Amino acid sequence: MPNLSQIKRQRMPDFPETLRKEHTDDESVRAFTEIGNHIRDMKYDLVWEEHEEAVDVKICTHIPVLLEKILKRK
């Protein structure tokens, strides 16, 4: 059984085609074609959480940062 994200991804490529039929001027057709191509080329997506996890907070202050020390040659 497909999940909600899968269903949306399956319907998404059809949406620019629907808009293209409603808006027939050249600029709109080009824009909807570009959007449709971009949607078809997408291979992944990101899900943004609404909160930070404890590890994300600690990363800001507890990760050592290595700096390059340039030695002067004589």
PDB file of N, CA and C in Angstrom:
ATOM      1  N   MET A   1       0.851  -1.188   0.000  1.00  0.00           N
ATOM      2  CA  MET A   1       0.000   0.000   0.000  1.00  0.00           C
ATOM      3  C   MET A   1       0.894   1.248   0.000  1.00  0.00           C
ATOM      4  N   PRO A   2       0.727   2.139  -0.961  1.00  0.00           N
ATOM      5  CA  PRO A   2       1.572   3.334  -1.024  1.00  0.00           C
ATOM      6  C   PRO A   2       1.254   4.303   0.115  1.00  0.00           C
ATOM      7  N   ASN A   3       2.289   4.982   0.589  1.00  0.00           N
ATOM      8  CA  ASN A   3       2.050   5.980   1.626  1.00  0.00           C
ATOM      9  C   ASN A   3       1.671   7.310   0.984  1.00  0.00           C
ATOM     10  N   LEU A   4       1.352   8.300   1.818  1.00  0.00           N
ATOM     11  CA  LEU A   4       0.869   9.585   1.315  1.00  0.00           C
ATOM     12  C   LEU A   4       1.913  10.282   0.447  1.00  0.00           C
ATOM     13  N   SER A   5       3.181  10.226   0.847  1.00  0.00           N
ATOM     14  CA  SER A   5       4.241  10.851   0.055  1.00  0.00           C
ATOM     15  C   SER A   5       4.340  10.216  -1.326  1.00  0.00           C
ATOM     16  N   GLN A   6       4.209   8.908  -1.367  1.00  0.00           N
ATOM     17  CA  GLN A   6       4.277   8.198  -2.641  1.00  0.00           C
ATOM     18  C   GLN A   6       3.124   8.619  -3.557  1.00  0.00           C
ATOM     19  N   ILE A   7       1.953   8.743  -3.005  1.00  0.00           N
ATOM     20  CA  ILE A   7       0.781   9.150  -3.782  1.00  0.00           C
ATOM     21  C   ILE A   7       0.988  10.551  -4.356  1.00  0.00           C
ATOM     22  N   LYS A   8       1.493  11.474  -3.523  1.00  0.00           N
ATOM     23  CA  LYS A   8       1.739  12.844  -3.997  1.00  0.00           C
ATOM     24  C   LYS A   8       2.783  12.865  -5.099  1.00  0.00           C
ATOM     25  N   ARG A   9       3.854  12.067  -4.952  1.00  0.00           N
ATOM     26  CA  ARG A   9       4.896  12.021  -5.978  1.00  0.00           C
ATOM     27  C   ARG A   9       4.361  11.478  -7.292  1.00  0.00           C
ATOM     28  N   GLN A  10       3.418  10.554  -7.219  1.00  0.00           N
ATOM     29  CA  GLN A  10       2.851   9.985  -8.436  1.00  0.00           C
ATOM     30  C   GLN A  10       1.937  10.984  -9.143  1.00  0.00           C
ATOM     31  N   ARG A  11       1.242  11.835  -8.383  1.00  0.00           N
ATOM     32  CA  ARG A  11       0.328  12.811  -8.980  1.00  0.00           C
ATOM     33  C   ARG A  11       1.038  14.086  -9.435  1.00  0.00           C
ATOM     34  N   MET A  12       2.182  14.388  -8.834  1.00  0.00           N
ATOM     35  CA  MET A  12       2.858  15.652  -9.081  1.00  0.00           C
ATOM     36  C   MET A  12       3.217  15.897 -10.546  1.00  0.00           C
ATOM     37  N   PRO A  13       3.760  14.925 -11.288  1.00  0.00           N
ATOM     38  CA  PRO A  13       4.109  15.207 -12.692  1.00  0.00           C
ATOM     39  C   PRO A  13       2.912  15.582 -13.563  1.00  0.00           C
ATOM     40  N   ASP A  14       1.709  15.201 -13.183  1.00  0.00           N
ATOM     41  CA  ASP A  14       0.524  15.519 -13.974  1.00  0.00           C
ATOM     42  C   ASP A  14       0.054  16.962 -13.767  1.00  0.00           C
ATOM     43  N   PHE A  15       0.417  17.562 -12.637  1.00  0.00           N
ATOM     44  CA  PHE A  15      -0.075  18.897 -12.315  1.00  0.00           C
ATOM     45  C   PHE A  15       0.397  19.965 -13.310  1.00  0.00           C
ATOM     46  N   PRO A  16       1.695  20.038 -13.650  1.00  0.00           N
ATOM     47  CA  PRO A  16       2.100  21.047 -14.647  1.00  0.00           C
ATOM     48  C   PRO A  16       1.392  20.859 -15.991  1.00  0.00           C
ATOM     49  N   GLU A  17       1.105  19.620 -16.358  1.00  0.00           N
ATOM     50  CA  GLU A  17       0.393  19.362 -17.613  1.00  0.00           C
ATOM     51  C   GLU A  17      -1.011  19.962 -17.560  1.00  0.00           C
ATOM     52  N   THR A  18      -1.667  19.842 -16.413  1.00  0.00           N
ATOM     53  CA  THR A  18      -3.002  20.431 -16.230  1.00  0.00           C
ATOM     54  C   THR A  18      -2.921  21.948 -16.350  1.00  0.00           C
ATOM     55  N   LEU A  19      -1.927  22.553 -15.716  1.00  0.00           N
ATOM     56  CA  LEU A  19      -1.754  24.008 -15.801  1.00  0.00           C
ATOM     57  C   LEU A  19      -1.431  24.450 -17.225  1.00  0.00           C
ATOM     58  N   ARG A  20      -0.632  23.659 -17.929  1.00  0.00           N
ATOM     59  CA  ARG A  20      -0.250  23.994 -19.303  1.00  0.00           C
ATOM     60  C   ARG A  20      -1.491  24.072 -20.200  1.00  0.00           C
ATOM     61  N   LYS A  21      -2.486  23.230 -19.950  1.00  0.00           N
ATOM     62  CA  LYS A  21      -3.717  23.258 -20.754  1.00  0.00           C
ATOM     63  C   LYS A  21      -4.546  24.503 -20.464  1.00  0.00           C
ATOM     64  N   GLU A  22      -4.472  24.981 -19.215  1.00  0.00           N
ATOM     65  CA  GLU A  22      -5.247  26.169 -18.829  1.00  0.00           C
ATOM     66  C   GLU A  22      -4.574  27.472 -19.264  1.00  0.00           C
ATOM     67  N   HIS A  23      -3.240  27.483 -19.284  1.00  0.00           N
ATOM     68  CA  HIS A  23      -2.477  28.693 -19.617  1.00  0.00           C
ATOM     69  C   HIS A  23      -1.643  28.398 -20.860  1.00  0.00           C
ATOM     70  N   THR A  24      -2.059  28.936 -21.985  1.00  0.00           N
ATOM     71  CA  THR A  24      -1.443  28.551 -23.253  1.00  0.00           C
ATOM     72  C   THR A  24      -0.427  29.556 -23.795  1.00  0.00           C
ATOM     73  N   ASP A  25      -0.168  30.650 -23.057  1.00  0.00           N
ATOM     74  CA  ASP A  25       0.829  31.596 -23.568  1.00  0.00           C
ATOM     75  C   ASP A  25       2.224  30.966 -23.473  1.00  0.00           C
ATOM     76  N   ASP A  26       3.116  31.404 -24.355  1.00  0.00           N
ATOM     77  CA  ASP A  26       4.444  30.787 -24.488  1.00  0.00           C
ATOM     78  C   ASP A  26       5.234  30.786 -23.183  1.00  0.00           C
ATOM     79  N   GLU A  27       5.216  31.907 -22.467  1.00  0.00           N
ATOM     80  CA  GLU A  27       5.999  32.002 -21.233  1.00  0.00           C
ATOM     81  C   GLU A  27       5.508  30.995 -20.189  1.00  0.00           C
ATOM     82  N   SER A  28       4.209  30.862 -20.035  1.00  0.00           N
ATOM     83  CA  SER A  28       3.651  29.905 -19.069  1.00  0.00           C
ATOM     84  C   SER A  28       3.957  28.472 -19.474  1.00  0.00           C
ATOM     85  N   VAL A  29       3.810  28.175 -20.762  1.00  0.00           N
ATOM     86  CA  VAL A  29       4.082  26.817 -21.246  1.00  0.00           C
ATOM     87  C   VAL A  29       5.536  26.440 -20.975  1.00  0.00           C
ATOM     88  N   ARG A  30       6.474  27.372 -21.248  1.00  0.00           N
ATOM     89  CA  ARG A  30       7.889  27.098 -20.968  1.00  0.00           C
ATOM     90  C   ARG A  30       8.119  26.869 -19.478  1.00  0.00           C
ATOM     91  N   ALA A  31       7.508  27.705 -18.638  1.00  0.00           N
ATOM     92  CA  ALA A  31       7.678  27.577 -17.190  1.00  0.00           C
ATOM     93  C   ALA A  31       7.134  26.234 -16.696  1.00  0.00           C
ATOM     94  N   PHE A  32       5.957  25.850 -17.147  1.00  0.00           N
ATOM     95  CA  PHE A  32       5.361  24.589 -16.693  1.00  0.00           C
ATOM     96  C   PHE A  32       6.150  23.388 -17.211  1.00  0.00           C
ATOM     97  N   THR A  33       6.709  23.514 -18.404  1.00  0.00           N
ATOM     98  CA  THR A  33       7.554  22.441 -18.938  1.00  0.00           C
ATOM     99  C   THR A  33       8.796  22.284 -18.072  1.00  0.00           C
ATOM    100  N   GLU A  34       9.419  23.409 -17.716  1.00  0.00           N
ATOM    101  CA  GLU A  34      10.610  23.372 -16.869  1.00  0.00           C
ATOM    102  C   GLU A  34      10.291  22.773 -15.496  1.00  0.00           C
ATOM    103  N   ILE A  35       9.176  23.161 -14.922  1.00  0.00           N
ATOM    104  CA  ILE A  35       8.759  22.611 -13.623  1.00  0.00           C
ATOM    105  C   ILE A  35       8.520  21.111 -13.735  1.00  0.00           C
ATOM    106  N   GLY A  36       7.832  20.703 -14.780  1.00  0.00           N
ATOM    107  CA  GLY A  36       7.563  19.280 -14.986  1.00  0.00           C
ATOM    108  C   GLY A  36       8.843  18.475 -15.139  1.00  0.00           C
ATOM    109  N   ASN A  37       9.809  19.007 -15.897  1.00  0.00           N
ATOM    110  CA  ASN A  37      11.090  18.324 -16.054  1.00  0.00           C
ATOM    111  C   ASN A  37      11.818  18.216 -14.726  1.00  0.00           C
ATOM    112  N   HIS A  38      11.782  19.276 -13.944  1.00  0.00           N
ATOM    113  CA  HIS A  38      12.442  19.259 -12.642  1.00  0.00           C
ATOM    114  C   HIS A  38      11.804  18.217 -11.725  1.00  0.00           C
ATOM    115  N   ILE A  39      10.494  18.150 -11.723  1.00  0.00           N
ATOM    116  CA  ILE A  39       9.788  17.171 -10.874  1.00  0.00           C
ATOM    117  C   ILE A  39      10.160  15.755 -11.284  1.00  0.00           C
ATOM    118  N   ARG A  40      10.216  15.489 -12.574  1.00  0.00           N
ATOM    119  CA  ARG A  40      10.552  14.141 -13.044  1.00  0.00           C
ATOM    120  C   ARG A  40      12.000  13.765 -12.719  1.00  0.00           C
ATOM    121  N   ASP A  41      12.890  14.763 -12.652  1.00  0.00           N
ATOM    122  CA  ASP A  41      14.299  14.499 -12.376  1.00  0.00           C
ATOM    123  C   ASP A  41      14.593  14.321 -10.888  1.00  0.00           C
ATOM    124  N   MET A  42      13.657  14.679 -10.030  1.00  0.00           N
ATOM    125  CA  MET A  42      13.897  14.556  -8.583  1.00  0.00           C
ATOM    126  C   MET A  42      14.029  13.092  -8.202  1.00  0.00           C
ATOM    127  N   LYS A  43      15.042  12.796  -7.414  1.00  0.00           N
ATOM    128  CA  LYS A  43      15.291  11.413  -7.005  1.00  0.00           C
ATOM    129  C   LYS A  43      15.111  11.208  -5.510  1.00  0.00           C
ATOM    130  N   TYR A  44      15.017  12.272  -4.738  1.00  0.00           N
ATOM    131  CA  TYR A  44      14.900  12.163  -3.289  1.00  0.00           C
ATOM    132  C   TYR A  44      14.198  13.400  -2.758  1.00  0.00           C
ATOM    133  N   ASP A  45      13.848  13.355  -1.493  1.00  0.00           N
ATOM    134  CA  ASP A  45      13.280  14.529  -0.864  1.00  0.00           C
ATOM    135  C   ASP A  45      13.719  14.577   0.590  1.00  0.00           C
ATOM    136  N   LEU A  46      13.555  15.722   1.216  1.00  0.00           N
ATOM    137  CA  LEU A  46      13.941  15.908   2.600  1.00  0.00           C
ATOM    138  C   LEU A  46      12.707  16.148   3.447  1.00  0.00           C
ATOM    139  N   VAL A  47      12.775  15.662   4.664  1.00  0.00           N
ATOM    140  CA  VAL A  47      11.701  15.907   5.623  1.00  0.00           C
ATOM    141  C   VAL A  47      12.295  16.719   6.755  1.00  0.00           C
ATOM    142  N   TRP A  48      11.775  17.917   6.982  1.00  0.00           N
ATOM    143  CA  TRP A  48      12.291  18.786   8.029  1.00  0.00           C
ATOM    144  C   TRP A  48      11.508  18.550   9.312  1.00  0.00           C
ATOM    145  N   GLU A  49      12.231  18.265  10.372  1.00  0.00           N
ATOM    146  CA  GLU A  49      11.608  18.070  11.672  1.00  0.00           C
ATOM    147  C   GLU A  49      11.261  19.428  12.278  1.00  0.00           C
ATOM    148  N   GLU A  50      10.272  19.460  13.137  1.00  0.00           N
ATOM    149  CA  GLU A  50       9.861  20.711  13.757  1.00  0.00           C
ATOM    150  C   GLU A  50      10.651  21.021  15.026  1.00  0.00           C
ATOM    151  N   HIS A  51      11.485  20.115  15.461  1.00  0.00           N
ATOM    152  CA  HIS A  51      12.259  20.332  16.680  1.00  0.00           C
ATOM    153  C   HIS A  51      13.683  19.819  16.490  1.00  0.00           C
ATOM    154  N   GLU A  52      14.580  20.310  17.339  1.00  0.00           N
ATOM    155  CA  GLU A  52      15.961  19.839  17.297  1.00  0.00           C
ATOM    156  C   GLU A  52      16.121  18.664  18.243  1.00  0.00           C
ATOM    157  N   GLU A  53      16.921  17.719  17.840  1.00  0.00           N
ATOM    158  CA  GLU A  53      17.232  16.619  18.728  1.00  0.00           C
ATOM    159  C   GLU A  53      18.407  17.029  19.601  1.00  0.00           C
ATOM    160  N   ALA A  54      18.586  16.358  20.729  1.00  0.00           N
ATOM    161  CA  ALA A  54      19.647  16.699  21.668  1.00  0.00           C
ATOM    162  C   ALA A  54      21.015  16.656  20.995  1.00  0.00           C
ATOM    163  N   VAL A  55      21.222  15.688  20.131  1.00  0.00           N
ATOM    164  CA  VAL A  55      22.511  15.574  19.456  1.00  0.00           C
ATOM    165  C   VAL A  55      22.781  16.792  18.574  1.00  0.00           C
ATOM    166  N   ASP A  56      21.760  17.345  17.945  1.00  0.00           N
ATOM    167  CA  ASP A  56      21.933  18.530  17.113  1.00  0.00           C
ATOM    168  C   ASP A  56      22.365  19.740  17.940  1.00  0.00           C
ATOM    169  N   VAL A  57      21.821  19.851  19.151  1.00  0.00           N
ATOM    170  CA  VAL A  57      22.176  20.965  20.033  1.00  0.00           C
ATOM    171  C   VAL A  57      23.622  20.817  20.501  1.00  0.00           C
ATOM    172  N   LYS A  58      24.022  19.592  20.871  1.00  0.00           N
ATOM    173  CA  LYS A  58      25.388  19.361  21.358  1.00  0.00           C
ATOM    174  C   LYS A  58      26.433  19.573  20.267  1.00  0.00           C
ATOM    175  N   ILE A  59      26.090  19.282  19.041  1.00  0.00           N
ATOM    176  CA  ILE A  59      27.035  19.442  17.935  1.00  0.00           C
ATOM    177  C   ILE A  59      27.541  20.883  17.851  1.00  0.00           C
ATOM    178  N   CYS A  60      26.676  21.823  18.156  1.00  0.00           N
ATOM    179  CA  CYS A  60      27.054  23.241  18.029  1.00  0.00           C
ATOM    180  C   CYS A  60      28.191  23.630  18.967  1.00  0.00           C
ATOM    181  N   THR A  61      28.329  22.983  20.127  1.00  0.00           N
ATOM    182  CA  THR A  61      29.333  23.407  21.108  1.00  0.00           C
ATOM    183  C   THR A  61      30.351  22.335  21.472  1.00  0.00           C
ATOM    184  N   HIS A  62      30.129  21.082  21.117  1.00  0.00           N
ATOM    185  CA  HIS A  62      30.985  20.003  21.595  1.00  0.00           C
ATOM    186  C   HIS A  62      31.801  19.286  20.523  1.00  0.00           C
ATOM    187  N   ILE A  63      31.826  19.783  19.322  1.00  0.00           N
ATOM    188  CA  ILE A  63      32.599  19.129  18.270  1.00  0.00           C
ATOM    189  C   ILE A  63      33.924  19.869  18.117  1.00  0.00           C
ATOM    190  N   PRO A  64      35.032  19.158  18.225  1.00  0.00           N
ATOM    191  CA  PRO A  64      36.312  19.844  18.038  1.00  0.00           C
ATOM    192  C   PRO A  64      36.499  20.249  16.577  1.00  0.00           C
ATOM    193  N   VAL A  65      37.103  21.395  16.398  1.00  0.00           N
ATOM    194  CA  VAL A  65      37.376  21.883  15.054  1.00  0.00           C
ATOM    195  C   VAL A  65      38.894  21.929  14.890  1.00  0.00           C
ATOM    196  N   LEU A  66      39.395  21.257  13.906  1.00  0.00           N
ATOM    197  CA  LEU A  66      40.818  21.236  13.650  1.00  0.00           C
ATOM    198  C   LEU A  66      41.175  22.388  12.732  1.00  0.00           C
ATOM    199  N   LEU A  67      42.208  23.127  13.106  1.00  0.00           N
ATOM    200  CA  LEU A  67      42.656  24.253  12.307  1.00  0.00           C
ATOM    201  C   LEU A  67      44.020  23.934  11.733  1.00  0.00           C
ATOM    202  N   GLU A  68      44.243  24.390  10.537  1.00  0.00           N
ATOM    203  CA  GLU A  68      45.536  24.164   9.880  1.00  0.00           C
ATOM    204  C   GLU A  68      46.557  25.158  10.418  1.00  0.00           C
ATOM    205  N   LYS A  69      47.679  24.652  10.816  1.00  0.00           N
ATOM    206  CA  LYS A  69      48.761  25.519  11.289  1.00  0.00           C
ATOM    207  C   LYS A  69      49.834  25.523  10.211  1.00  0.00           C
ATOM    208  N   ILE A  70      50.087  26.677   9.661  1.00  0.00           N
ATOM    209  CA  ILE A  70      51.069  26.804   8.587  1.00  0.00           C
ATOM    210  C   ILE A  70      52.419  27.132   9.203  1.00  0.00           C
ATOM    211  N   LEU A  71      53.381  26.271   8.944  1.00  0.00           N
ATOM    212  CA  LEU A  71      54.738  26.482   9.450  1.00  0.00           C
ATOM    213  C   LEU A  71      55.541  27.319   8.458  1.00  0.00           C
ATOM    214  N   LYS A  72      56.259  28.278   8.988  1.00  0.00           N
ATOM    215  CA  LYS A  72      57.096  29.117   8.134  1.00  0.00           C
ATOM    216  C   LYS A  72      58.441  28.436   7.982  1.00  0.00           C
ATOM    217  N   ARG A  73      58.884  28.284   6.773  1.00  0.00           N
ATOM    218  CA  ARG A  73      60.201  27.696   6.510  1.00  0.00           C
ATOM    219  C   ARG A  73      61.264  28.783   6.467  1.00  0.00           C
ATOM    220  N   LYS A  74      62.397  28.461   7.033  1.00  0.00           N
ATOM    221  CA  LYS A  74      63.508  29.442   7.046  1.00  0.00           C
ATOM    222  C   LYS A  74      64.484  29.174   5.961  1.00  0.00           C
TER     223      LYS A  74
END
